[in-house]
Amino acid sequence: MSKKDLYVNGQKKSEQVGDILTYYYKDGTVRAKGPFTEGKMEGEWIFYRNSGQLWQVGNFKNNQKHGRFQRYDKNDELEYDETFENGKLVKKE
């Protein structure tokens, strides 16, 4: 692992196990996690705030938003619910 793959405190920035890629915050808390194949984000990804609280759930196809994307505010209320097709917004609720 090179220094560019680590924060200055030695915490790794990301780790891939099989097809699942996990990104970390500097303190080791999970930042995002999802399928990563052939160098691209695929399928459902889950994003977290530094506190560990759920922030977003979204789907990707060929590294582009594709499908439903939901974002939650700090009170765990749904902030927005959007649908994308090949990176383009097609529906907003």
N, C-alpha and C. Protein backbone atom coordinates (compact mmCIF):
# COMPACT_ATOMS: atom_id res chain seq x y z
N MET A 1 0.86 -1.17 0.00
CA MET A 1 0.00 0.00 0.00
C MET A 1 0.90 1.24 0.00
N SER A 2 0.68 2.14 -0.94
CA SER A 2 1.52 3.33 -1.02
C SER A 2 1.00 4.42 -0.08
N LYS A 3 1.83 5.43 0.14
CA LYS A 3 1.44 6.51 1.04
C LYS A 3 0.22 7.26 0.52
N LYS A 4 0.03 7.31 -0.79
CA LYS A 4 -1.14 8.01 -1.33
C LYS A 4 -2.44 7.26 -1.02
N ASP A 5 -2.33 6.00 -0.63
CA ASP A 5 -3.49 5.19 -0.27
C ASP A 5 -3.84 5.29 1.21
N LEU A 6 -3.02 6.08 1.95
CA LEU A 6 -3.21 6.23 3.38
C LEU A 6 -3.39 7.70 3.75
N TYR A 7 -4.17 7.94 4.80
CA TYR A 7 -4.21 9.28 5.38
C TYR A 7 -2.92 9.49 6.14
N VAL A 8 -2.61 10.73 6.51
CA VAL A 8 -1.36 11.01 7.21
C VAL A 8 -1.27 10.27 8.55
N ASN A 9 -2.42 9.91 9.13
CA ASN A 9 -2.41 9.17 10.40
C ASN A 9 -2.22 7.67 10.21
N GLY A 10 -2.06 7.23 8.95
CA GLY A 10 -1.83 5.81 8.68
C GLY A 10 -3.09 5.03 8.34
N GLN A 11 -4.26 5.64 8.50
CA GLN A 11 -5.52 4.99 8.17
C GLN A 11 -5.63 4.81 6.66
N LYS A 12 -6.03 3.63 6.22
CA LYS A 12 -6.20 3.42 4.78
C LYS A 12 -7.43 4.18 4.28
N LYS A 13 -7.35 4.69 3.06
CA LYS A 13 -8.44 5.45 2.45
C LYS A 13 -9.50 4.53 1.85
N SER A 14 -9.06 3.36 1.38
CA SER A 14 -10.01 2.42 0.78
C SER A 14 -9.45 1.01 0.86
N GLU A 15 -10.36 0.06 0.64
CA GLU A 15 -9.98 -1.35 0.65
C GLU A 15 -10.98 -2.11 -0.20
N GLN A 16 -10.47 -2.97 -1.07
CA GLN A 16 -11.35 -3.80 -1.88
C GLN A 16 -11.19 -5.26 -1.48
N VAL A 17 -12.34 -5.90 -1.17
CA VAL A 17 -12.37 -7.32 -0.84
C VAL A 17 -13.34 -7.95 -1.82
N GLY A 18 -12.82 -8.77 -2.71
CA GLY A 18 -13.66 -9.32 -3.78
C GLY A 18 -14.14 -8.17 -4.66
N ASP A 19 -15.44 -8.11 -4.89
CA ASP A 19 -16.00 -7.03 -5.72
C ASP A 19 -16.50 -5.85 -4.90
N ILE A 20 -16.31 -5.87 -3.58
CA ILE A 20 -16.82 -4.80 -2.72
C ILE A 20 -15.69 -3.84 -2.36
N LEU A 21 -15.89 -2.57 -2.71
CA LEU A 21 -14.93 -1.52 -2.39
C LEU A 21 -15.49 -0.69 -1.24
N THR A 22 -14.65 -0.44 -0.25
CA THR A 22 -15.04 0.37 0.90
C THR A 22 -14.10 1.56 1.00
N TYR A 23 -14.67 2.76 1.11
CA TYR A 23 -13.91 3.99 1.35
C TYR A 23 -14.06 4.36 2.81
N TYR A 24 -12.99 4.91 3.39
CA TYR A 24 -12.98 5.26 4.80
C TYR A 24 -12.71 6.74 5.01
N TYR A 25 -13.22 7.28 6.12
CA TYR A 25 -12.83 8.61 6.58
C TYR A 25 -11.49 8.46 7.31
N LYS A 26 -10.89 9.58 7.61
CA LYS A 26 -9.59 9.60 8.26
C LYS A 26 -9.58 8.86 9.60
N ASP A 27 -10.73 8.84 10.29
CA ASP A 27 -10.79 8.17 11.59
C ASP A 27 -11.13 6.69 11.49
N GLY A 28 -11.27 6.17 10.26
CA GLY A 28 -11.55 4.76 10.06
C GLY A 28 -13.02 4.44 9.90
N THR A 29 -13.89 5.43 10.08
CA THR A 29 -15.32 5.23 9.87
C THR A 29 -15.58 5.01 8.38
N VAL A 30 -16.51 4.12 8.06
CA VAL A 30 -16.83 3.84 6.65
C VAL A 30 -17.48 5.07 6.02
N ARG A 31 -16.97 5.48 4.87
CA ARG A 31 -17.50 6.61 4.11
C ARG A 31 -18.49 6.13 3.05
N ALA A 32 -18.15 5.07 2.33
CA ALA A 32 -19.00 4.53 1.27
C ALA A 32 -18.61 3.08 1.02
N LYS A 33 -19.59 2.32 0.52
CA LYS A 33 -19.33 0.90 0.28
C LYS A 33 -20.24 0.41 -0.83
N GLY A 34 -19.67 -0.37 -1.76
CA GLY A 34 -20.48 -0.93 -2.82
C GLY A 34 -19.67 -1.75 -3.80
N PRO A 35 -20.37 -2.37 -4.77
CA PRO A 35 -19.70 -3.19 -5.78
C PRO A 35 -18.82 -2.34 -6.71
N PHE A 36 -17.63 -2.84 -6.98
CA PHE A 36 -16.67 -2.16 -7.85
C PHE A 36 -16.01 -3.22 -8.71
N THR A 37 -16.40 -3.26 -9.98
CA THR A 37 -15.86 -4.28 -10.88
C THR A 37 -15.31 -3.64 -12.14
N GLU A 38 -14.20 -4.16 -12.60
CA GLU A 38 -13.53 -3.66 -13.80
C GLU A 38 -13.31 -2.15 -13.73
N GLY A 39 -12.98 -1.67 -12.53
CA GLY A 39 -12.67 -0.25 -12.34
C GLY A 39 -13.87 0.67 -12.33
N LYS A 40 -15.08 0.11 -12.15
CA LYS A 40 -16.30 0.94 -12.19
C LYS A 40 -17.23 0.62 -11.03
N MET A 41 -17.93 1.67 -10.58
CA MET A 41 -18.98 1.50 -9.58
C MET A 41 -20.17 0.84 -10.26
N GLU A 42 -20.67 -0.22 -9.66
CA GLU A 42 -21.81 -0.96 -10.21
C GLU A 42 -22.77 -1.30 -9.08
N GLY A 43 -24.06 -1.28 -9.36
CA GLY A 43 -25.03 -1.70 -8.35
C GLY A 43 -25.24 -0.69 -7.25
N GLU A 44 -25.74 -1.19 -6.10
CA GLU A 44 -26.11 -0.31 -4.99
C GLU A 44 -24.91 0.07 -4.12
N TRP A 45 -24.76 1.37 -3.92
CA TRP A 45 -23.74 1.91 -3.04
C TRP A 45 -24.42 2.60 -1.87
N ILE A 46 -23.79 2.50 -0.71
CA ILE A 46 -24.30 3.15 0.49
C ILE A 46 -23.23 4.13 0.97
N PHE A 47 -23.66 5.36 1.26
CA PHE A 47 -22.77 6.43 1.70
C PHE A 47 -23.15 6.85 3.12
N TYR A 48 -22.13 7.12 3.94
CA TYR A 48 -22.33 7.48 5.33
C TYR A 48 -21.68 8.81 5.66
N ARG A 49 -22.25 9.49 6.64
CA ARG A 49 -21.60 10.69 7.19
C ARG A 49 -20.45 10.23 8.08
N ASN A 50 -19.58 11.16 8.43
CA ASN A 50 -18.45 10.84 9.29
C ASN A 50 -18.90 10.26 10.63
N SER A 51 -20.09 10.62 11.07
CA SER A 51 -20.63 10.12 12.33
C SER A 51 -21.05 8.65 12.24
N GLY A 52 -21.08 8.10 11.02
CA GLY A 52 -21.55 6.73 10.81
C GLY A 52 -23.01 6.68 10.40
N GLN A 53 -23.67 7.83 10.42
CA GLN A 53 -25.08 7.93 10.06
C GLN A 53 -25.27 7.77 8.55
N LEU A 54 -26.33 7.06 8.16
CA LEU A 54 -26.65 6.88 6.74
C LEU A 54 -26.87 8.24 6.09
N TRP A 55 -26.27 8.44 4.90
CA TRP A 55 -26.42 9.69 4.18
C TRP A 55 -27.15 9.46 2.86
N GLN A 56 -26.67 8.51 2.04
CA GLN A 56 -27.27 8.26 0.73
C GLN A 56 -27.25 6.77 0.40
N VAL A 57 -28.22 6.38 -0.41
CA VAL A 57 -28.24 5.04 -1.01
C VAL A 57 -28.51 5.28 -2.48
N GLY A 58 -27.64 4.76 -3.33
CA GLY A 58 -27.82 5.00 -4.76
C GLY A 58 -27.28 3.87 -5.60
N ASN A 59 -27.75 3.81 -6.82
CA ASN A 59 -27.36 2.76 -7.75
C ASN A 59 -26.53 3.32 -8.90
N PHE A 60 -25.57 2.51 -9.33
CA PHE A 60 -24.67 2.89 -10.41
C PHE A 60 -24.64 1.82 -11.49
N LYS A 61 -24.35 2.26 -12.69
CA LYS A 61 -24.12 1.37 -13.82
C LYS A 61 -23.00 2.01 -14.64
N ASN A 62 -21.93 1.29 -14.86
CA ASN A 62 -20.78 1.82 -15.59
C ASN A 62 -20.29 3.14 -15.04
N ASN A 63 -20.22 3.23 -13.69
CA ASN A 63 -19.69 4.40 -13.01
C ASN A 63 -20.60 5.63 -13.07
N GLN A 64 -21.83 5.48 -13.55
CA GLN A 64 -22.78 6.59 -13.62
C GLN A 64 -24.00 6.27 -12.77
N LYS A 65 -24.62 7.33 -12.23
CA LYS A 65 -25.85 7.12 -11.49
C LYS A 65 -26.86 6.47 -12.42
N HIS A 66 -27.48 5.40 -11.95
CA HIS A 66 -28.45 4.67 -12.77
C HIS A 66 -29.42 3.96 -11.84
N GLY A 67 -30.63 4.46 -11.79
CA GLY A 67 -31.62 3.92 -10.86
C GLY A 67 -31.91 4.92 -9.77
N ARG A 68 -32.40 4.42 -8.67
CA ARG A 68 -32.87 5.27 -7.57
C ARG A 68 -31.72 5.77 -6.71
N PHE A 69 -31.82 7.04 -6.31
CA PHE A 69 -30.88 7.68 -5.40
C PHE A 69 -31.68 8.36 -4.31
N GLN A 70 -31.40 8.02 -3.07
CA GLN A 70 -32.10 8.63 -1.95
C GLN A 70 -31.07 9.24 -1.01
N ARG A 71 -31.37 10.47 -0.56
CA ARG A 71 -30.49 11.15 0.39
C ARG A 71 -31.28 11.46 1.65
N TYR A 72 -30.62 11.30 2.80
CA TYR A 72 -31.25 11.54 4.09
C TYR A 72 -30.57 12.70 4.80
N ASP A 73 -31.37 13.51 5.51
CA ASP A 73 -30.79 14.61 6.28
C ASP A 73 -30.29 14.08 7.63
N LYS A 74 -29.78 14.99 8.45
CA LYS A 74 -29.19 14.58 9.73
C LYS A 74 -30.23 14.12 10.74
N ASN A 75 -31.51 14.31 10.43
CA ASN A 75 -32.59 13.82 11.29
C ASN A 75 -33.16 12.51 10.76
N ASP A 76 -32.45 11.88 9.82
CA ASP A 76 -32.86 10.62 9.19
C ASP A 76 -34.14 10.75 8.36
N GLU A 77 -34.48 11.97 7.98
CA GLU A 77 -35.64 12.19 7.13
C GLU A 77 -35.18 12.17 5.67
N LEU A 78 -36.03 11.63 4.80
CA LEU A 78 -35.70 11.59 3.38
C LEU A 78 -35.62 13.01 2.84
N GLU A 79 -34.46 13.38 2.32
CA GLU A 79 -34.22 14.72 1.80
C GLU A 79 -34.60 14.81 0.33
N TYR A 80 -34.23 13.79 -0.43
CA TYR A 80 -34.68 13.69 -1.81
C TYR A 80 -34.64 12.26 -2.29
N ASP A 81 -35.43 12.02 -3.33
CA ASP A 81 -35.56 10.69 -3.92
C ASP A 81 -35.60 10.91 -5.42
N GLU A 82 -34.54 10.53 -6.09
CA GLU A 82 -34.42 10.79 -7.53
C GLU A 82 -34.11 9.49 -8.28
N THR A 83 -34.46 9.47 -9.55
CA THR A 83 -34.16 8.33 -10.40
C THR A 83 -33.33 8.81 -11.58
N PHE A 84 -32.27 8.09 -11.85
CA PHE A 84 -31.36 8.43 -12.94
C PHE A 84 -31.32 7.32 -13.98
N GLU A 85 -31.01 7.70 -15.19
CA GLU A 85 -30.79 6.75 -16.26
C GLU A 85 -29.53 7.16 -16.98
N ASN A 86 -28.51 6.30 -16.88
CA ASN A 86 -27.21 6.56 -17.51
C ASN A 86 -26.67 7.95 -17.15
N GLY A 87 -26.76 8.30 -15.86
CA GLY A 87 -26.21 9.57 -15.38
C GLY A 87 -27.12 10.76 -15.49
N LYS A 88 -28.29 10.61 -16.11
CA LYS A 88 -29.20 11.74 -16.31
C LYS A 88 -30.43 11.59 -15.43
N LEU A 89 -30.81 12.68 -14.77
CA LEU A 89 -31.98 12.69 -13.91
C LEU A 89 -33.25 12.51 -14.76
N VAL A 90 -34.08 11.52 -14.41
CA VAL A 90 -35.31 11.28 -15.16
C VAL A 90 -36.55 11.46 -14.29
N LYS A 91 -36.37 11.42 -12.96
CA LYS A 91 -37.54 11.56 -12.08
C LYS A 91 -37.08 12.09 -10.73
N LYS A 92 -37.80 13.09 -10.23
CA LYS A 92 -37.48 13.68 -8.94
C LYS A 92 -38.74 13.72 -8.09
N GLU A 93 -38.63 13.22 -6.86
CA GLU A 93 -39.80 13.22 -5.96
C GLU A 93 -39.50 14.04 -4.74
